[in-house]
Amino acid sequence: MDNKVIVDNESKSNIRNQIGKIDFSKYGPLIALIVLFIISAIASPYFLKPRNLLNILRQVSYTGIIALGMTFVIISGGIDLSVGSMIALVGGIVILVLNYFGGGLMAIIIAIILGILVGSGFGAINGLIVTKGKVAPFVATLGTMAIFRSLTLYISGAGEFRSISNIYPKLGMGYFLGIPIPAWILIGFTVFFSIILNHTRYGRYICAVGSNERVAKYSAIKVNYIRFISYVIVGFNVAIASVLLSSRLNSISSSNSGSGFELDAIAAVVIGGTSMAGGRGSIVGTLIGAITLGIINNMLNMIGVSPYLQGTVKGLVIIGAVLLQHKDRGI
């Protein structure tokens, strides 16, 4: 009898030890997403409707793609506040080029290629200001945020960029195997960038740069080059997101398009477990963070919360995620 009691106590102790060994910093975002999904399914009978779930996937695709690029920037110890304004400017340029060449299939291809080049170029400008100009990333991208939005308003006359193409909307509104095309692109980018971060020299270098810049320099790592590439990556991703967003709406608003995207992208990265101090992060975690934000926005709309208060919820989520990071690191 005593032996049985001892065995039971040892089993319970082993279970507690196994639970204690769970890496909540790694699996916390996934656990939170599962709990949120269950709560949402209980709270609203419409949440699990296929149409609603597909709508969530489409909505999170735009900010999710940007957030994947933002992950590299934040891991490197930087930040990019210009992505919202950049998406409006790049989207406007894409539509202008598309209309100039007649709105056909070849015009779409030319416009997309040019949009990718322009977006990557804008990211390169941010990278040069930060690395060569030695301007703090917050200040540098705050300045370019104002520049990009101002240029968008000037070019459009504070109006909208409207596409004349009947083919272009099929890209943003289309489906493949029952899943929205933007969602497929988000998934593909997640796989691609996860490989880059976890299985390439660049991924190791960018974590080293964000963790300790001085040690990285002593290790012969080109710190400025690594950081510069991270801003080019986010510029490239913004270009892709702007193409998908503009094709969905077949237009771009100079004043509203991309507004708040920088907050959503940063929130997705932080919720996904990437440290704001730099040095570590997760691409898959960022995807989970983007979906989590999408579900939160969806549920707030379903239960009738004012859209003016939704920013408050996002702000609290960001603060909570950062506080959990600090607690996990023993700060």
Protein backbone atom coordinates (compact mmCIF):
# COMPACT_ATOMS: atom_id res chain seq x y z
CA MET A 1 0.00 0.00 0.00
CA ASP A 2 2.80 2.37 0.93
CA ASN A 3 4.64 1.53 -2.27
CA LYS A 4 1.52 2.40 -4.30
CA VAL A 5 1.23 5.76 -2.55
CA ILE A 6 4.90 6.47 -3.26
CA VAL A 7 4.47 5.57 -6.94
CA ASP A 8 1.39 7.82 -7.23
CA ASN A 9 3.23 10.70 -5.62
CA GLU A 10 6.18 10.20 -7.96
CA SER A 11 3.80 10.17 -10.98
CA LYS A 12 2.18 13.41 -9.88
CA SER A 13 5.60 14.94 -9.32
CA ASN A 14 6.71 13.86 -12.81
CA ILE A 15 3.58 15.40 -14.34
CA ARG A 16 4.22 18.68 -12.55
CA ASN A 17 7.82 18.63 -13.71
CA GLN A 18 6.77 18.03 -17.30
CA ILE A 19 4.30 20.92 -17.13
CA GLY A 20 7.04 23.09 -15.66
CA LYS A 21 9.31 22.21 -18.56
CA ILE A 22 6.85 23.54 -21.16
CA ASP A 23 8.41 26.53 -22.86
CA PHE A 24 5.57 29.04 -22.54
CA SER A 25 7.65 31.74 -24.26
CA LYS A 26 7.68 29.47 -27.32
CA TYR A 27 4.23 27.92 -27.19
CA GLY A 28 2.42 30.74 -25.37
CA PRO A 29 1.16 32.48 -28.56
CA LEU A 30 -0.23 29.19 -29.91
CA ILE A 31 -1.91 28.38 -26.59
CA ALA A 32 -3.41 31.88 -26.47
CA LEU A 33 -4.71 31.48 -30.04
CA ILE A 34 -6.35 28.15 -29.24
CA VAL A 35 -8.01 29.57 -26.12
CA LEU A 36 -9.18 32.65 -28.03
CA PHE A 37 -10.55 30.45 -30.82
CA ILE A 38 -12.56 28.36 -28.34
CA ILE A 39 -13.90 31.43 -26.53
CA SER A 40 -14.90 33.05 -29.86
CA ALA A 41 -16.68 29.87 -30.99
CA ILE A 42 -18.66 29.85 -27.75
CA ALA A 43 -19.36 33.59 -27.76
CA SER A 44 -20.82 33.75 -31.26
CA PRO A 45 -22.68 31.10 -33.30
CA TYR A 46 -21.48 32.80 -36.48
CA PHE A 47 -17.77 32.59 -35.72
CA LEU A 48 -17.26 29.06 -37.07
CA LYS A 49 -19.12 29.74 -40.28
CA PRO A 50 -16.74 28.99 -43.20
CA ARG A 51 -17.47 32.35 -44.77
CA ASN A 52 -16.45 34.15 -41.56
CA LEU A 53 -13.26 32.13 -41.12
CA LEU A 54 -12.24 32.76 -44.73
CA ASN A 55 -12.95 36.46 -44.24
CA ILE A 56 -10.62 36.49 -41.21
CA LEU A 57 -7.89 34.83 -43.28
CA ARG A 58 -8.27 37.40 -46.04
CA GLN A 59 -8.26 40.31 -43.60
CA VAL A 60 -5.12 39.21 -41.76
CA SER A 61 -3.21 38.48 -44.98
CA TYR A 62 -2.32 42.12 -45.70
CA THR A 63 -0.97 43.04 -42.27
CA GLY A 64 0.36 39.50 -41.80
CA ILE A 65 2.58 39.73 -44.87
CA ILE A 66 3.92 43.09 -43.65
CA ALA A 67 4.43 41.66 -40.16
CA LEU A 68 6.60 38.86 -41.53
CA GLY A 69 9.00 41.47 -42.89
CA MET A 70 8.68 43.54 -39.72
CA THR A 71 9.88 40.51 -37.76
CA PHE A 72 13.32 40.78 -39.34
CA VAL A 73 13.50 44.51 -38.62
CA ILE A 74 12.56 44.08 -34.97
CA ILE A 75 14.90 41.11 -34.48
CA SER A 76 17.72 43.32 -35.78
CA GLY A 77 16.89 45.88 -33.09
CA GLY A 78 14.98 48.32 -35.31
CA ILE A 79 11.40 49.26 -36.12
CA ASP A 80 9.52 50.58 -39.17
CA LEU A 81 6.64 53.00 -38.64
CA SER A 82 6.33 53.92 -42.32
CA VAL A 83 4.71 50.71 -43.61
CA GLY A 84 1.14 52.06 -43.44
CA SER A 85 1.93 55.16 -45.48
CA MET A 86 4.18 53.16 -47.78
CA ILE A 87 1.38 50.74 -48.67
CA ALA A 88 -0.80 53.66 -49.81
CA LEU A 89 1.95 55.23 -51.92
CA VAL A 90 3.08 51.96 -53.52
CA GLY A 91 -0.53 50.92 -54.16
CA GLY A 92 -1.24 54.28 -55.79
CA ILE A 93 1.81 53.98 -58.02
CA VAL A 94 0.77 50.45 -59.04
CA ILE A 95 -2.68 51.66 -60.08
CA LEU A 96 -1.28 54.65 -61.98
CA VAL A 97 1.06 52.39 -63.94
CA LEU A 98 -1.71 49.85 -64.49
CA ASN A 99 -4.01 52.50 -65.94
CA TYR A 100 -1.24 54.02 -68.05
CA PHE A 101 -0.65 50.72 -69.84
CA GLY A 102 -4.36 50.08 -70.41
CA GLY A 103 -5.35 47.75 -67.56
CA GLY A 104 -4.72 44.48 -69.42
CA LEU A 105 -2.82 41.40 -68.26
CA MET A 106 0.56 42.72 -69.42
CA ALA A 107 -0.19 46.05 -67.73
CA ILE A 108 -0.89 44.19 -64.47
CA ILE A 109 2.41 42.33 -64.70
CA ILE A 110 4.37 45.53 -65.40
CA ALA A 111 2.59 47.36 -62.58
CA ILE A 112 3.27 44.58 -60.06
CA ILE A 113 6.96 44.35 -60.98
CA LEU A 114 7.36 48.12 -60.74
CA GLY A 115 5.46 48.16 -57.44
CA ILE A 116 7.81 45.53 -55.99
CA LEU A 117 10.84 47.54 -57.12
CA VAL A 118 9.43 50.78 -55.69
CA GLY A 119 8.48 49.15 -52.37
CA SER A 120 11.89 47.54 -52.04
CA GLY A 121 13.45 50.91 -52.92
CA PHE A 122 11.50 52.68 -50.20
CA GLY A 123 12.64 50.02 -47.75
CA ALA A 124 16.21 50.58 -48.93
CA ILE A 125 15.83 54.32 -48.27
CA ASN A 126 14.78 53.58 -44.69
CA GLY A 127 17.69 51.19 -44.34
CA LEU A 128 20.21 53.73 -45.61
CA ILE A 129 18.92 56.45 -43.29
CA VAL A 130 19.22 54.08 -40.32
CA THR A 131 22.57 52.47 -41.20
CA LYS A 132 24.50 55.15 -43.08
CA GLY A 133 22.78 58.19 -41.63
CA LYS A 134 22.96 56.77 -38.09
CA VAL A 135 19.43 58.00 -37.40
CA ALA A 136 17.42 56.13 -34.78
CA PRO A 137 14.98 53.74 -36.54
CA PHE A 138 11.98 55.25 -34.72
CA VAL A 139 12.85 58.77 -35.85
CA ALA A 140 13.90 57.77 -39.37
CA THR A 141 10.74 55.80 -40.17
CA LEU A 142 8.55 58.37 -38.44
CA GLY A 143 9.92 60.90 -40.89
CA THR A 144 9.46 58.69 -43.95
CA MET A 145 5.96 57.83 -42.75
CA ALA A 146 5.03 61.50 -43.04
CA ILE A 147 6.82 61.82 -46.40
CA PHE A 148 5.13 58.79 -47.96
CA ARG A 149 1.65 59.84 -46.85
CA SER A 150 2.21 63.42 -47.96
CA LEU A 151 3.37 62.29 -51.43
CA THR A 152 0.35 60.00 -51.74
CA LEU A 153 -2.02 62.85 -50.94
CA TYR A 154 -0.23 65.20 -53.34
CA ILE A 155 -0.17 62.80 -56.28
CA SER A 156 -3.84 61.88 -55.89
CA GLY A 157 -5.05 65.37 -55.00
CA ALA A 158 -6.21 63.93 -51.65
CA GLY A 159 -8.54 61.61 -53.53
CA GLU A 160 -8.50 57.98 -54.65
CA PHE A 161 -6.48 56.01 -57.14
CA ARG A 162 -9.02 54.02 -59.18
CA SER A 163 -8.14 51.15 -61.46
CA ILE A 164 -9.73 50.83 -64.91
CA SER A 165 -8.96 47.11 -65.11
CA ASN A 166 -11.61 44.40 -64.90
CA ILE A 167 -8.97 41.69 -64.44
CA TYR A 168 -6.98 43.19 -61.57
CA PRO A 169 -9.64 42.57 -58.84
CA LYS A 170 -9.46 38.81 -59.49
CA LEU A 171 -6.06 38.76 -57.81
CA GLY A 172 -7.24 40.17 -54.50
CA MET A 173 -10.74 38.68 -54.52
CA GLY A 174 -9.90 35.31 -56.08
CA TYR A 175 -9.80 31.85 -54.48
CA PHE A 176 -7.60 28.81 -54.99
CA LEU A 177 -8.87 25.47 -53.65
CA GLY A 178 -11.49 27.38 -51.69
CA ILE A 179 -8.92 29.56 -49.87
CA PRO A 180 -8.41 33.28 -50.67
CA ILE A 181 -5.33 33.90 -52.80
CA PRO A 182 -3.88 36.45 -50.29
CA ALA A 183 -4.04 33.76 -47.58
CA TRP A 184 -2.04 31.36 -49.78
CA ILE A 185 0.58 34.05 -50.33
CA LEU A 186 0.76 34.67 -46.57
CA ILE A 187 1.29 30.95 -45.92
CA GLY A 188 3.92 30.70 -48.65
CA PHE A 189 5.79 33.72 -47.30
CA THR A 190 5.64 32.24 -43.79
CA VAL A 191 7.34 29.05 -44.96
CA PHE A 192 9.92 30.96 -47.03
CA PHE A 193 10.90 33.47 -44.35
CA SER A 194 10.88 30.81 -41.63
CA ILE A 195 13.51 28.91 -43.61
CA ILE A 196 15.56 32.10 -44.04
CA LEU A 197 15.43 32.93 -40.32
CA ASN A 198 16.06 29.44 -38.98
CA HIS A 199 18.22 27.74 -41.59
CA THR A 200 20.41 30.36 -43.27
CA ARG A 201 23.50 32.38 -42.39
CA TYR A 202 21.50 35.61 -42.70
CA GLY A 203 19.02 34.37 -40.09
CA ARG A 204 21.82 33.60 -37.65
CA TYR A 205 23.52 36.91 -38.33
CA ILE A 206 20.41 39.02 -37.83
CA CYS A 207 19.77 37.39 -34.45
CA ALA A 208 23.39 38.06 -33.50
CA VAL A 209 23.13 41.71 -34.56
CA GLY A 210 19.96 42.25 -32.57
CA SER A 211 21.30 40.42 -29.54
CA ASN A 212 24.64 42.23 -29.25
CA GLU A 213 25.82 44.56 -31.98
CA ARG A 214 29.34 44.94 -30.59
CA VAL A 215 29.93 41.19 -30.39
CA ALA A 216 28.51 40.82 -33.89
CA LYS A 217 31.05 43.36 -35.20
CA TYR A 218 33.89 41.52 -33.46
CA SER A 219 32.64 38.36 -35.19
CA ALA A 220 33.18 40.02 -38.59
CA ILE A 221 29.46 40.34 -39.26
CA LYS A 222 28.53 43.28 -41.51
CA VAL A 223 26.05 44.82 -39.08
CA ASN A 224 24.90 47.69 -41.30
CA TYR A 225 24.42 45.39 -44.29
CA ILE A 226 22.34 42.91 -42.24
CA ARG A 227 20.11 45.69 -40.92
CA PHE A 228 19.83 47.27 -44.36
CA ILE A 229 18.56 44.01 -45.87
CA SER A 230 15.90 43.73 -43.15
CA TYR A 231 14.40 47.06 -44.24
CA VAL A 232 14.50 45.99 -47.89
CA ILE A 233 12.63 42.82 -46.93
CA VAL A 234 9.86 44.74 -45.20
CA GLY A 235 9.64 47.13 -48.16
CA PHE A 236 9.28 44.15 -50.50
CA ASN A 237 6.54 42.70 -48.31
CA VAL A 238 4.71 46.03 -48.19
CA ALA A 239 4.73 46.08 -52.00
CA ILE A 240 3.14 42.63 -52.15
CA ALA A 241 0.53 43.60 -49.56
CA SER A 242 -0.25 46.84 -51.42
CA VAL A 243 -0.82 44.92 -54.67
CA LEU A 244 -3.20 42.50 -52.92
CA LEU A 245 -5.06 45.30 -51.10
CA SER A 246 -5.40 47.54 -54.15
CA SER A 247 -6.53 44.62 -56.31
CA ARG A 248 -9.16 43.65 -53.77
CA LEU A 249 -10.64 47.14 -53.69
CA ASN A 250 -9.60 48.01 -57.28
CA SER A 251 -8.63 51.34 -55.75
CA ILE A 252 -6.48 52.96 -53.08
CA SER A 253 -7.51 55.80 -50.78
CA SER A 254 -4.74 58.32 -50.33
CA SER A 255 -5.85 59.21 -46.81
CA ASN A 256 -7.14 55.93 -45.34
CA SER A 257 -5.39 53.02 -47.06
CA GLY A 258 -2.78 51.47 -44.81
CA SER A 259 -3.82 53.58 -41.84
CA GLY A 260 -2.95 51.70 -38.64
CA PHE A 261 -1.19 48.88 -40.48
CA GLU A 262 2.06 49.68 -38.68
CA LEU A 263 0.34 49.12 -35.32
CA ASP A 264 -1.20 45.82 -36.45
CA ALA A 265 2.10 44.60 -37.90
CA ILE A 266 4.09 45.45 -34.77
CA ALA A 267 1.38 43.94 -32.57
CA ALA A 268 1.43 40.69 -34.56
CA VAL A 269 5.22 40.47 -34.21
CA VAL A 270 5.16 41.13 -30.47
CA ILE A 271 2.23 38.79 -29.78
CA GLY A 272 4.11 36.12 -31.74
CA GLY A 273 6.96 36.21 -29.23
CA THR A 274 9.55 38.35 -30.98
CA SER A 275 11.48 40.45 -28.48
CA MET A 276 11.21 44.22 -28.90
CA ALA A 277 14.77 44.37 -27.59
CA GLY A 278 15.90 42.38 -30.60
CA GLY A 279 17.95 39.22 -30.90
CA ARG A 280 15.21 36.60 -31.08
CA GLY A 281 11.94 36.03 -32.84
CA SER A 282 9.70 33.62 -34.69
CA ILE A 283 8.15 33.84 -38.15
CA VAL A 284 5.52 31.21 -37.33
CA GLY A 285 4.85 33.11 -34.09
CA THR A 286 4.22 36.27 -36.14
CA LEU A 287 1.69 34.38 -38.26
CA ILE A 288 -0.03 33.22 -35.08
CA GLY A 289 0.02 36.79 -33.77
CA ALA A 290 -1.58 38.10 -36.98
CA ILE A 291 -4.35 35.49 -36.83
CA THR A 292 -4.89 36.27 -33.14
CA LEU A 293 -5.36 39.95 -33.94
CA GLY A 294 -7.72 39.04 -36.77
CA ILE A 295 -9.89 36.95 -34.47
CA ILE A 296 -9.91 39.71 -31.85
CA ASN A 297 -11.04 42.29 -34.45
CA ASN A 298 -13.65 39.87 -35.78
CA MET A 299 -15.10 39.19 -32.34
CA LEU A 300 -15.14 42.86 -31.38
CA ASN A 301 -17.20 43.55 -34.50
CA MET A 302 -19.52 40.63 -33.83
CA ILE A 303 -20.31 41.64 -30.26
CA GLY A 304 -20.85 45.25 -31.30
CA VAL A 305 -17.83 46.96 -29.72
CA SER A 306 -17.31 50.45 -31.12
CA PRO A 307 -14.54 50.57 -33.75
CA TYR A 308 -13.18 53.58 -31.89
CA LEU A 309 -12.38 51.31 -28.92
CA GLN A 310 -10.70 48.57 -30.92
CA GLY A 311 -7.42 50.45 -30.90
CA THR A 312 -7.57 50.38 -27.11
CA VAL A 313 -7.80 46.60 -27.17
CA LYS A 314 -4.83 46.34 -29.54
CA GLY A 315 -2.81 48.67 -27.35
CA LEU A 316 -3.56 46.61 -24.25
CA VAL A 317 -2.63 43.41 -26.09
CA ILE A 318 0.73 44.89 -27.13
CA ILE A 319 1.48 46.09 -23.60
CA GLY A 320 0.46 42.72 -22.15
CA ALA A 321 2.65 40.82 -24.61
CA VAL A 322 5.69 42.98 -23.81
CA LEU A 323 5.10 42.61 -20.06
CA LEU A 324 4.95 38.83 -20.45
CA GLN A 325 8.24 38.92 -22.36
CA HIS A 326 9.88 40.86 -19.55
CA LYS A 327 8.49 38.46 -16.95
CA ASP A 328 9.69 35.47 -18.96
CA ARG A 329 13.22 36.95 -19.14
CA GLY A 330 13.18 37.73 -15.43
CA ILE A 331 13.36 41.49 -15.92
